[in-house]
Amino acid sequence: NSTSWASTASPSTPSTPPRTGARRASGSSPPTAGT
C-alpha cells in the first residue's frame, strides 16, 4: 500500500526520475507547502 499511495502522491514519482529537475522544483515546493 505504501508504494501505491506514494505513486499517487505525484511528488514522489516525478521527484525520483528527474533528480535534477525535481531538485529545482523541490526548492520551490518546500517553501510553498511550508507556508
PDB file of N, CA and C in Angstrom:
ATOM      1  N   ASN A   1       0.846  -1.198   0.000  1.00  0.00           N
ATOM      2  CA  ASN A   1       0.000   0.000   0.000  1.00  0.00           C
ATOM      3  C   ASN A   1       0.886   1.255   0.000  1.00  0.00           C
ATOM      4  N   SER A   2       1.902   1.187   0.767  1.00  0.00           N
ATOM      5  CA  SER A   2       2.816   2.351   0.889  1.00  0.00           C
ATOM      6  C   SER A   2       3.265   2.815  -0.496  1.00  0.00           C
ATOM      7  N   THR A   3       3.691   1.850  -1.309  1.00  0.00           N
ATOM      8  CA  THR A   3       4.176   2.215  -2.652  1.00  0.00           C
ATOM      9  C   THR A   3       3.020   2.774  -3.492  1.00  0.00           C
ATOM     10  N   SER A   4       1.858   2.216  -3.313  1.00  0.00           N
ATOM     11  CA  SER A   4       0.686   2.639  -4.105  1.00  0.00           C
ATOM     12  C   SER A   4       0.371   4.113  -3.808  1.00  0.00           C
ATOM     13  N   TRP A   5       0.232   4.434  -2.568  1.00  0.00           N
ATOM     14  CA  TRP A   5      -0.135   5.822  -2.221  1.00  0.00           C
ATOM     15  C   TRP A   5       1.004   6.776  -2.622  1.00  0.00           C
ATOM     16  N   ALA A   6       2.205   6.300  -2.497  1.00  0.00           N
ATOM     17  CA  ALA A   6       3.368   7.150  -2.840  1.00  0.00           C
ATOM     18  C   ALA A   6       3.331   7.468  -4.337  1.00  0.00           C
ATOM     19  N   SER A   7       2.968   6.478  -5.120  1.00  0.00           N
ATOM     20  CA  SER A   7       2.925   6.678  -6.584  1.00  0.00           C
ATOM     21  C   SER A   7       1.848   7.718  -6.905  1.00  0.00           C
ATOM     22  N   THR A   8       0.750   7.632  -6.207  1.00  0.00           N
ATOM     23  CA  THR A   8      -0.350   8.575  -6.450  1.00  0.00           C
ATOM     24  C   THR A   8      -0.001   9.962  -5.903  1.00  0.00           C
ATOM     25  N   ALA A   9       0.906   9.990  -4.988  1.00  0.00           N
ATOM     26  CA  ALA A   9       1.282  11.277  -4.361  1.00  0.00           C
ATOM     27  C   ALA A   9       1.790  12.237  -5.442  1.00  0.00           C
ATOM     28  N   SER A  10       2.313  11.689  -6.526  1.00  0.00           N
ATOM     29  CA  SER A  10       2.793  12.543  -7.628  1.00  0.00           C
ATOM     30  C   SER A  10       4.172  13.113  -7.303  1.00  0.00           C
ATOM     31  N   PRO A  11       4.341  13.719  -6.158  1.00  0.00           N
ATOM     32  CA  PRO A  11       5.637  14.332  -5.786  1.00  0.00           C
ATOM     33  C   PRO A  11       6.736  13.278  -5.745  1.00  0.00           C
ATOM     34  N   SER A  12       6.353  12.088  -5.327  1.00  0.00           N
ATOM     35  CA  SER A  12       7.358  11.008  -5.211  1.00  0.00           C
ATOM     36  C   SER A  12       7.741  10.517  -6.613  1.00  0.00           C
ATOM     37  N   THR A  13       6.773  10.359  -7.477  1.00  0.00           N
ATOM     38  CA  THR A  13       7.055   9.820  -8.821  1.00  0.00           C
ATOM     39  C   THR A  13       7.975  10.763  -9.627  1.00  0.00           C
ATOM     40  N   PRO A  14       7.603  12.011  -9.792  1.00  0.00           N
ATOM     41  CA  PRO A  14       8.405  12.964 -10.582  1.00  0.00           C
ATOM     42  C   PRO A  14       9.721  13.275  -9.882  1.00  0.00           C
ATOM     43  N   SER A  15       9.701  13.218  -8.592  1.00  0.00           N
ATOM     44  CA  SER A  15      10.915  13.545  -7.819  1.00  0.00           C
ATOM     45  C   SER A  15      11.993  12.484  -8.038  1.00  0.00           C
ATOM     46  N   THR A  16      11.578  11.236  -8.149  1.00  0.00           N
ATOM     47  CA  THR A  16      12.570  10.143  -8.295  1.00  0.00           C
ATOM     48  C   THR A  16      13.229  10.156  -9.682  1.00  0.00           C
ATOM     49  N   PRO A  17      12.470  10.144 -10.736  1.00  0.00           N
ATOM     50  CA  PRO A  17      13.031  10.101 -12.103  1.00  0.00           C
ATOM     51  C   PRO A  17      13.892  11.334 -12.404  1.00  0.00           C
ATOM     52  N   PRO A  18      13.308  12.507 -12.455  1.00  0.00           N
ATOM     53  CA  PRO A  18      14.053  13.741 -12.800  1.00  0.00           C
ATOM     54  C   PRO A  18      14.775  14.303 -11.591  1.00  0.00           C
ATOM     55  N   ARG A  19      15.804  13.676 -11.161  1.00  0.00           N
ATOM     56  CA  ARG A  19      16.511  14.145  -9.929  1.00  0.00           C
ATOM     57  C   ARG A  19      16.907  15.628 -10.128  1.00  0.00           C
ATOM     58  N   THR A  20      17.453  15.935 -11.255  1.00  0.00           N
ATOM     59  CA  THR A  20      17.902  17.321 -11.483  1.00  0.00           C
ATOM     60  C   THR A  20      16.686  18.264 -11.532  1.00  0.00           C
ATOM     61  N   GLY A  21      15.731  17.921 -12.352  1.00  0.00           N
ATOM     62  CA  GLY A  21      14.536  18.772 -12.486  1.00  0.00           C
ATOM     63  C   GLY A  21      13.794  18.851 -11.154  1.00  0.00           C
ATOM     64  N   ALA A  22      13.702  17.729 -10.488  1.00  0.00           N
ATOM     65  CA  ALA A  22      12.967  17.701  -9.201  1.00  0.00           C
ATOM     66  C   ALA A  22      13.680  18.626  -8.203  1.00  0.00           C
ATOM     67  N   ARG A  23      14.975  18.628  -8.264  1.00  0.00           N
ATOM     68  CA  ARG A  23      15.763  19.463  -7.302  1.00  0.00           C
ATOM     69  C   ARG A  23      15.281  20.922  -7.419  1.00  0.00           C
ATOM     70  N   ARG A  24      15.142  21.411  -8.585  1.00  0.00           N
ATOM     71  CA  ARG A  24      14.736  22.833  -8.770  1.00  0.00           C
ATOM     72  C   ARG A  24      13.303  22.988  -8.232  1.00  0.00           C
ATOM     73  N   ALA A  25      12.449  22.102  -8.634  1.00  0.00           N
ATOM     74  CA  ALA A  25      11.038  22.192  -8.185  1.00  0.00           C
ATOM     75  C   ALA A  25      10.978  21.969  -6.669  1.00  0.00           C
ATOM     76  N   SER A  26      11.867  21.132  -6.191  1.00  0.00           N
ATOM     77  CA  SER A  26      11.874  20.823  -4.737  1.00  0.00           C
ATOM     78  C   SER A  26      12.091  22.125  -3.945  1.00  0.00           C
ATOM     79  N   GLY A  27      13.017  22.924  -4.396  1.00  0.00           N
ATOM     80  CA  GLY A  27      13.312  24.178  -3.689  1.00  0.00           C
ATOM     81  C   GLY A  27      12.059  25.043  -3.598  1.00  0.00           C
ATOM     82  N   SER A  28      11.254  25.014  -4.607  1.00  0.00           N
ATOM     83  CA  SER A  28      10.048  25.850  -4.625  1.00  0.00           C
ATOM     84  C   SER A  28       8.913  25.142  -3.878  1.00  0.00           C
ATOM     85  N   SER A  29       8.968  23.835  -3.839  1.00  0.00           N
ATOM     86  CA  SER A  29       7.893  23.048  -3.205  1.00  0.00           C
ATOM     87  C   SER A  29       7.909  23.193  -1.676  1.00  0.00           C
ATOM     88  N   PRO A  30       9.033  22.985  -1.061  1.00  0.00           N
ATOM     89  CA  PRO A  30       9.146  23.067   0.409  1.00  0.00           C
ATOM     90  C   PRO A  30       8.616  24.392   0.965  1.00  0.00           C
ATOM     91  N   PRO A  31       9.064  25.515   0.452  1.00  0.00           N
ATOM     92  CA  PRO A  31       8.635  26.831   0.942  1.00  0.00           C
ATOM     93  C   PRO A  31       7.135  27.022   0.736  1.00  0.00           C
ATOM     94  N   THR A  32       6.645  26.589  -0.409  1.00  0.00           N
ATOM     95  CA  THR A  32       5.206  26.764  -0.698  1.00  0.00           C
ATOM     96  C   THR A  32       4.365  25.912   0.239  1.00  0.00           C
ATOM     97  N   ALA A  33       4.746  24.646   0.386  1.00  0.00           N
ATOM     98  CA  ALA A  33       3.973  23.722   1.235  1.00  0.00           C
ATOM     99  C   ALA A  33       4.104  24.167   2.695  1.00  0.00           C
ATOM    100  N   GLY A  34       5.288  24.611   3.071  1.00  0.00           N
ATOM    101  CA  GLY A  34       5.506  25.042   4.462  1.00  0.00           C
ATOM    102  C   GLY A  34       4.567  26.196   4.801  1.00  0.00           C
ATOM    103  N   THR A  35       4.395  27.100   3.854  1.00  0.00           N
ATOM    104  CA  THR A  35       3.540  28.255   4.124  1.00  0.00           C
ATOM    105  C   THR A  35       2.106  27.777   4.196  1.00  0.00           C
TER     106      THR A  35
END
